[in-house]
Amino acid sequence: MRLEHPGCVWIVAAYGCAPVRLADPASLHALFDAIIADLALHPVAPALWHQFPAPGGITGMVMLAESHLTVHTFPEHGSACLNLFCCTPRAAWPWRERLPALLGAEQVDARQLSREYVGPLVATPGAR
């Protein structure tokens, strides 16, 4: 049995980004804020961020009621990888249009995959 409204996951890679933006926490906070606001997502806790020593980038994650949003940046390569998983349907976010403005991306590869759930799963006593 499949659910009527499957979730989806976006796997996004941005290339040719401005290295200074990829190493700037404020730029990445603005990116997360835009995605969350535009898609009406619901953070359940503040975003977590880790900044690596130069020339490394930043890893960020926010847990959402809908699942999660993550980013990993590589200023030394001018690239960023994002993942947004929503367990409920959402409109597509305009990755290809917005990442050039927010990160200076020259090329954006955005793939959306449907996440269909099979259910209901019933726990069996003694099963692992």
Protein backbone atom coordinates (compact mmCIF):
# COMPACT_ATOMS: atom_id res chain seq x y z
CA MET A 1 0.00 0.00 0.00
CA ARG A 2 1.36 3.43 -0.92
CA LEU A 3 0.49 6.70 0.72
CA GLU A 4 -1.62 9.08 -1.32
CA HIS A 5 0.75 12.02 -0.73
CA PRO A 6 4.37 10.93 -0.86
CA GLY A 7 7.15 13.12 0.37
CA CYS A 8 10.08 14.30 -1.68
CA VAL A 9 13.77 14.95 -1.44
CA TRP A 10 15.82 17.52 -3.32
CA ILE A 11 19.48 16.80 -3.99
CA VAL A 12 21.20 19.98 -5.12
CA ALA A 13 24.75 20.73 -6.20
CA ALA A 14 25.86 24.29 -6.96
CA TYR A 15 29.12 25.01 -8.81
CA GLY A 16 31.10 28.14 -9.57
CA CYS A 17 29.93 29.72 -6.31
CA ALA A 18 31.60 32.73 -4.72
CA PRO A 19 34.07 31.21 -2.22
CA VAL A 20 33.61 34.10 0.21
CA ARG A 21 29.85 33.39 0.42
CA LEU A 22 30.46 29.68 0.98
CA ALA A 23 32.62 30.49 4.01
CA ASP A 24 30.27 33.18 5.37
CA PRO A 25 27.78 32.05 8.04
CA ALA A 26 25.48 35.02 7.35
CA SER A 27 25.16 34.04 3.66
CA LEU A 28 24.17 30.49 4.59
CA HIS A 29 21.74 31.64 7.29
CA ALA A 30 20.07 33.84 4.64
CA LEU A 31 19.88 30.84 2.29
CA PHE A 32 18.21 28.67 4.95
CA ASP A 33 15.86 31.51 5.94
CA ALA A 34 14.76 31.94 2.30
CA ILE A 35 14.11 28.23 1.75
CA ILE A 36 12.24 27.83 5.03
CA ALA A 37 10.08 30.92 4.50
CA ASP A 38 9.34 30.29 0.81
CA LEU A 39 8.30 26.67 1.40
CA ALA A 40 6.49 27.34 4.70
CA LEU A 41 8.67 24.83 6.53
CA HIS A 42 8.65 24.44 10.31
CA PRO A 43 11.98 24.26 12.16
CA VAL A 44 11.73 22.30 15.42
CA ALA A 45 15.05 23.62 16.75
CA PRO A 46 17.61 26.26 15.78
CA ALA A 47 19.94 25.38 12.91
CA LEU A 48 23.28 23.82 13.81
CA TRP A 49 26.42 25.08 12.07
CA HIS A 50 30.03 23.96 11.96
CA GLN A 51 32.71 26.07 10.33
CA PHE A 52 35.85 24.23 9.29
CA PRO A 53 39.29 25.90 9.39
CA ALA A 54 40.21 27.76 6.20
CA PRO A 55 40.11 26.94 3.40
CA GLY A 56 37.26 24.64 4.49
CA GLY A 57 33.63 25.57 4.41
CA ILE A 58 30.55 25.21 6.56
CA THR A 59 28.16 22.38 7.30
CA GLY A 60 24.68 23.33 8.43
CA MET A 61 21.53 21.48 9.36
CA VAL A 62 18.09 22.39 10.53
CA MET A 63 15.63 19.78 11.75
CA LEU A 64 12.16 20.41 10.42
CA ALA A 65 8.75 19.12 11.36
CA GLU A 66 8.78 17.98 7.73
CA SER A 67 12.26 16.33 8.12
CA HIS A 68 15.54 18.22 7.44
CA LEU A 69 17.54 20.74 5.41
CA THR A 70 21.33 20.44 5.12
CA VAL A 71 24.19 22.22 3.37
CA HIS A 72 27.88 21.43 2.96
CA THR A 73 30.07 24.09 1.37
CA PHE A 74 33.47 23.77 -0.23
CA PRO A 75 34.91 27.28 -0.80
CA GLU A 76 38.17 25.78 -2.05
CA HIS A 77 36.19 24.21 -4.91
CA GLY A 78 33.47 26.88 -5.28
CA SER A 79 30.73 24.35 -4.63
CA ALA A 80 27.88 23.62 -2.26
CA CYS A 81 25.74 20.54 -1.72
CA LEU A 82 22.22 20.84 -0.32
CA ASN A 83 19.62 18.30 0.68
CA LEU A 84 16.00 19.02 1.59
CA PHE A 85 13.81 16.14 2.64
CA CYS A 86 10.10 16.72 3.20
CA CYS A 87 7.84 13.90 4.32
CA THR A 88 4.87 15.91 3.05
CA PRO A 89 4.40 17.31 -0.48
CA ARG A 90 5.90 20.73 -1.20
CA ALA A 91 6.12 22.93 -4.25
CA ALA A 92 9.52 22.98 -5.91
CA TRP A 93 11.87 25.71 -4.73
CA PRO A 94 13.55 27.61 -7.60
CA TRP A 95 17.09 26.36 -6.89
CA ARG A 96 18.43 27.28 -10.34
CA GLU A 97 17.11 30.84 -10.08
CA ARG A 98 17.88 31.56 -6.41
CA LEU A 99 21.32 30.00 -5.84
CA PRO A 100 23.08 32.32 -8.32
CA ALA A 101 21.77 35.30 -6.35
CA LEU A 102 22.39 33.82 -2.89
CA LEU A 103 25.68 31.97 -3.45
CA GLY A 104 26.95 33.32 -6.76
CA ALA A 105 26.44 29.90 -8.37
CA GLU A 106 27.19 29.64 -12.08
CA GLN A 107 25.70 26.15 -12.46
CA VAL A 108 23.03 24.38 -10.40
CA ASP A 109 22.07 20.73 -10.64
CA ALA A 110 18.79 20.14 -8.76
CA ARG A 111 17.09 16.77 -8.68
CA GLN A 112 13.77 16.04 -7.01
CA LEU A 113 12.95 12.48 -6.05
CA SER A 114 9.60 11.23 -4.84
CA ARG A 115 9.70 9.43 -1.49
CA GLU A 116 6.89 6.93 -1.43
CA TYR A 117 6.17 5.09 1.75
CA VAL A 118 5.04 1.53 1.96
CA GLY A 119 2.83 0.82 4.92
CA PRO A 120 1.53 0.21 7.32
CA LEU A 121 4.50 -1.48 8.89
CA VAL A 122 3.55 -3.61 11.85
CA ALA A 123 6.12 -4.45 14.49
CA THR A 124 6.58 -8.14 15.06
CA PRO A 125 7.40 -9.23 18.63
CA GLY A 126 11.06 -10.14 18.87
CA ALA A 127 11.89 -8.63 15.46
CA ARG A 128 14.86 -6.28 15.11
